Amino acid sequence: MLNSKQRAQLRSLANSLESQFQVGKGEIDEHVVTSLDEYMTTHELVKITILKTADETPNEIATRLAAAVSAEVVQVIGRKLVFYRYSPKLAKLGKSLTIRF
């Protein structure tokens, strides 16, 4: 669980990120979850855009996706979501994000 200072640090890092995934009317299927899970093994921080055609609210989608890939929701602003998940693979390579505890 992230505290408010850690969340603030991750939000500042996510400012410069481009969205890597889009979720729309097709809902959250196994392909989206698998792709996001694989992406998060090599990137600890990811930004996702929710299209206007999505049937659910961004908060509902954030909760479902975070639970599916075991990630923390850093922020939900409008139709942009930011997730964080610690990656042991990146830590082993010395490329893991350093967040204050």
Protein backbone atom coordinates (compact mmCIF):
# COMPACT_ATOMS: atom_id res chain seq x y z
CA MET A 1 0.00 0.00 0.00
CA LEU A 2 1.37 3.37 -1.00
CA ASN A 3 1.32 6.31 1.37
CA SER A 4 0.56 9.87 0.24
CA LYS A 5 4.22 10.90 -0.19
CA GLN A 6 4.99 7.85 -2.30
CA ARG A 7 1.87 8.45 -4.36
CA ALA A 8 2.88 12.09 -4.90
CA GLN A 9 6.36 11.05 -6.04
CA LEU A 10 4.90 8.52 -8.50
CA ARG A 11 2.42 11.10 -9.82
CA SER A 12 5.29 13.47 -10.56
CA LEU A 13 7.17 10.72 -12.41
CA ALA A 14 4.04 9.84 -14.39
CA ASN A 15 3.59 13.44 -15.61
CA SER A 16 6.05 12.95 -18.45
CA LEU A 17 4.78 9.49 -19.46
CA GLU A 18 2.73 8.89 -22.58
CA SER A 19 -0.27 6.56 -22.39
CA GLN A 20 0.74 3.02 -23.25
CA PHE A 21 -2.72 1.43 -23.30
CA GLN A 22 -6.25 2.42 -24.28
CA VAL A 23 -9.42 0.86 -22.94
CA GLY A 24 -12.66 1.42 -24.82
CA LYS A 25 -15.97 -0.17 -25.61
CA GLY A 26 -14.43 -3.63 -25.89
CA GLU A 27 -14.23 -3.72 -22.10
CA ILE A 28 -11.46 -5.35 -20.13
CA ASP A 29 -10.79 -8.75 -21.65
CA GLU A 30 -8.09 -11.33 -21.07
CA HIS A 31 -5.92 -9.84 -23.83
CA VAL A 32 -5.82 -6.40 -22.18
CA VAL A 33 -5.01 -7.89 -18.77
CA THR A 34 -2.27 -10.15 -20.18
CA SER A 35 -0.70 -7.30 -22.18
CA LEU A 36 -0.75 -4.95 -19.20
CA ASP A 37 0.70 -7.63 -16.91
CA GLU A 38 3.56 -8.33 -19.34
CA TYR A 39 4.23 -4.60 -19.79
CA MET A 40 4.39 -4.08 -16.03
CA THR A 41 7.15 -6.67 -15.64
CA THR A 42 9.47 -4.32 -17.54
CA HIS A 43 7.90 -0.98 -16.56
CA GLU A 44 6.83 -0.28 -12.99
CA LEU A 45 4.80 2.82 -13.84
CA VAL A 46 2.19 2.85 -16.60
CA LYS A 47 -0.36 5.38 -17.84
CA ILE A 48 -3.62 4.26 -19.45
CA THR A 49 -6.24 6.23 -21.35
CA ILE A 50 -9.93 5.39 -21.08
CA LEU A 51 -11.81 6.14 -24.30
CA LYS A 52 -15.17 7.91 -24.24
CA THR A 53 -16.84 4.79 -25.65
CA ALA A 54 -16.09 2.77 -22.47
CA ASP A 55 -19.21 1.52 -20.70
CA GLU A 56 -17.79 1.84 -17.18
CA THR A 57 -16.46 4.84 -15.29
CA PRO A 58 -12.69 5.36 -15.09
CA ASN A 59 -12.74 4.59 -11.34
CA GLU A 60 -14.44 1.24 -11.91
CA ILE A 61 -12.00 0.34 -14.68
CA ALA A 62 -9.03 1.37 -12.51
CA THR A 63 -10.21 -0.85 -9.66
CA ARG A 64 -10.79 -3.85 -11.93
CA LEU A 65 -7.50 -3.52 -13.81
CA ALA A 66 -5.45 -2.97 -10.64
CA ALA A 67 -6.92 -6.08 -9.06
CA ALA A 68 -6.34 -8.12 -12.23
CA VAL A 69 -2.62 -7.26 -12.47
CA SER A 70 -1.89 -6.82 -8.73
CA ALA A 71 -0.97 -3.16 -9.10
CA GLU A 72 -1.58 0.00 -7.08
CA VAL A 73 -3.73 2.79 -8.49
CA VAL A 74 -1.60 5.93 -8.26
CA GLN A 75 -4.16 8.33 -9.67
CA VAL A 76 -7.28 8.67 -11.74
CA ILE A 77 -7.66 12.06 -13.39
CA GLY A 78 -10.42 12.39 -15.92
CA ARG A 79 -9.87 9.54 -18.34
CA LYS A 80 -6.21 8.93 -17.45
CA LEU A 81 -5.14 6.18 -15.06
CA VAL A 82 -1.70 5.62 -13.56
CA PHE A 83 -0.66 2.29 -12.05
CA TYR A 84 2.44 1.21 -10.13
CA ARG A 85 3.69 -2.32 -9.49
CA TYR A 86 7.09 -3.22 -8.08
CA SER A 87 9.09 -5.34 -10.52
CA PRO A 88 11.65 -7.79 -9.07
CA LYS A 89 13.06 -8.19 -12.59
CA LEU A 90 13.93 -4.47 -12.78
CA ALA A 91 15.24 -4.46 -9.20
CA LYS A 92 17.59 -7.29 -10.08
CA LEU A 93 18.94 -5.21 -12.98
CA GLY A 94 19.22 -2.12 -10.77
CA LYS A 95 16.62 -0.21 -12.83
CA SER A 96 13.77 -0.21 -10.34
CA LEU A 97 12.11 3.07 -9.38
CA THR A 98 13.35 4.40 -6.08
CA ILE A 99 10.41 5.51 -4.03
CA ARG A 100 10.69 6.81 -0.50
CA PHE A 101 9.27 4.68 2.30
